Amino acid sequence: MVDLKLSLAQLQEKLQLLIKQYGVMDKENQQLKLAITKQENQSKQLAEQLKETQLKLAASMMRPSDMNSMDKEKWVKQIDQYIKEIDTAIKNLNP
């Protein structure tokens, strides 16, 4: 009878520990879901920003300007670099 009570007490302690662990893991799961949502939103914003930048680049390349070819080449390289950085950031955000 004593062994049964002891076994039940140990089982109850283990169940209590499992319930606490479940609570911790559930809280962590909710935090991770929130973090994923934030990263997805940031990824969407970066994608929109990239599209806008590409459109601006295309528009600026179509119209004639007073810049010489060296300045134009410099700006195109710089914009290309920005686009590559944004692409890299988007790739890093999407698993």
Protein backbone atom coordinates (compact mmCIF):
# COMPACT_ATOMS: atom_id res chain seq x y z
CA MET A 1 0.00 0.00 0.00
CA VAL A 2 2.87 2.32 0.84
CA ASP A 3 4.58 1.49 -2.47
CA LEU A 4 1.39 2.30 -4.34
CA LYS A 5 1.06 5.68 -2.63
CA LEU A 6 4.72 6.41 -3.31
CA SER A 7 4.35 5.43 -6.95
CA LEU A 8 1.25 7.60 -7.31
CA ALA A 9 3.03 10.55 -5.70
CA GLN A 10 5.99 10.16 -8.06
CA LEU A 11 3.65 9.90 -11.02
CA GLN A 12 1.83 13.02 -9.92
CA GLU A 13 5.13 14.90 -9.60
CA LYS A 14 6.14 13.80 -13.10
CA LEU A 15 2.78 14.90 -14.48
CA GLN A 16 3.13 18.29 -12.81
CA LEU A 17 6.59 18.66 -14.35
CA LEU A 18 5.24 17.71 -17.78
CA ILE A 19 2.42 20.25 -17.45
CA LYS A 20 4.93 22.98 -16.58
CA GLN A 21 7.15 21.99 -19.51
CA TYR A 22 4.14 22.05 -21.82
CA GLY A 23 3.28 25.56 -20.66
CA VAL A 24 6.82 26.77 -21.33
CA MET A 25 6.93 25.13 -24.75
CA ASP A 26 3.49 26.50 -25.67
CA LYS A 27 4.59 30.02 -24.74
CA GLU A 28 7.78 29.61 -26.78
CA ASN A 29 5.74 28.31 -29.72
CA GLN A 30 3.51 31.39 -29.63
CA GLN A 31 6.57 33.66 -29.56
CA LEU A 32 8.08 31.85 -32.53
CA LYS A 33 4.84 32.15 -34.49
CA LEU A 34 4.80 35.88 -33.78
CA ALA A 35 8.43 36.19 -34.90
CA ILE A 36 7.64 34.34 -38.13
CA THR A 37 4.73 36.66 -38.82
CA LYS A 38 6.93 39.70 -38.26
CA GLN A 39 9.60 38.33 -40.60
CA GLU A 40 7.04 37.54 -43.28
CA ASN A 41 5.70 41.10 -43.06
CA GLN A 42 9.21 42.49 -43.27
CA SER A 43 9.93 40.27 -46.26
CA LYS A 44 6.81 41.58 -48.02
CA GLN A 45 7.83 45.16 -47.30
CA LEU A 46 11.31 44.54 -48.68
CA ALA A 47 9.87 42.93 -51.80
CA GLU A 48 7.62 45.95 -52.36
CA GLN A 49 10.56 48.27 -51.77
CA LEU A 50 12.61 46.31 -54.29
CA LYS A 51 9.87 46.57 -56.92
CA GLU A 52 9.57 50.31 -56.36
CA THR A 53 13.32 50.76 -56.64
CA GLN A 54 13.44 48.71 -59.83
CA LEU A 55 10.65 50.80 -61.34
CA LYS A 56 12.43 54.01 -60.39
CA LEU A 57 15.66 52.70 -61.88
CA ALA A 58 13.94 51.73 -65.11
CA ALA A 59 12.24 55.12 -65.30
CA SER A 60 15.45 56.99 -64.64
CA MET A 61 17.29 54.99 -67.31
CA MET A 62 14.63 55.80 -69.93
CA ARG A 63 14.68 59.56 -69.70
CA PRO A 64 17.60 61.59 -70.95
CA SER A 65 19.50 63.61 -68.41
CA ASP A 66 22.41 65.96 -68.16
CA MET A 67 24.66 63.39 -66.53
CA ASN A 68 27.63 62.13 -68.41
CA SER A 69 28.12 58.41 -69.00
CA MET A 70 30.55 58.04 -66.08
CA ASP A 71 28.02 59.45 -63.62
CA LYS A 72 25.25 57.29 -65.06
CA GLU A 73 27.40 54.18 -64.78
CA LYS A 74 28.25 55.05 -61.19
CA TRP A 75 24.58 55.46 -60.28
CA VAL A 76 23.56 52.26 -62.04
CA LYS A 77 26.24 50.30 -60.15
CA GLN A 78 25.15 51.82 -56.87
CA ILE A 79 21.48 51.02 -57.50
CA ASP A 80 22.40 47.48 -58.58
CA GLN A 81 24.28 47.09 -55.31
CA TYR A 82 21.22 48.25 -53.35
CA ILE A 83 19.04 45.77 -55.22
CA LYS A 84 21.49 42.94 -54.48
CA GLU A 85 21.47 43.87 -50.77
CA ILE A 86 17.68 43.86 -50.70
CA ASP A 87 17.58 40.50 -52.52
CA THR A 88 20.02 39.07 -50.01
CA ALA A 89 17.94 40.38 -47.10
CA ILE A 90 14.80 38.83 -48.58
CA LYS A 91 16.54 35.49 -49.11
CA ASN A 92 17.79 35.55 -45.50
CA LEU A 93 14.30 36.21 -44.20
CA ASN A 94 12.66 33.39 -46.15
CA PRO A 95 13.72 29.97 -44.84
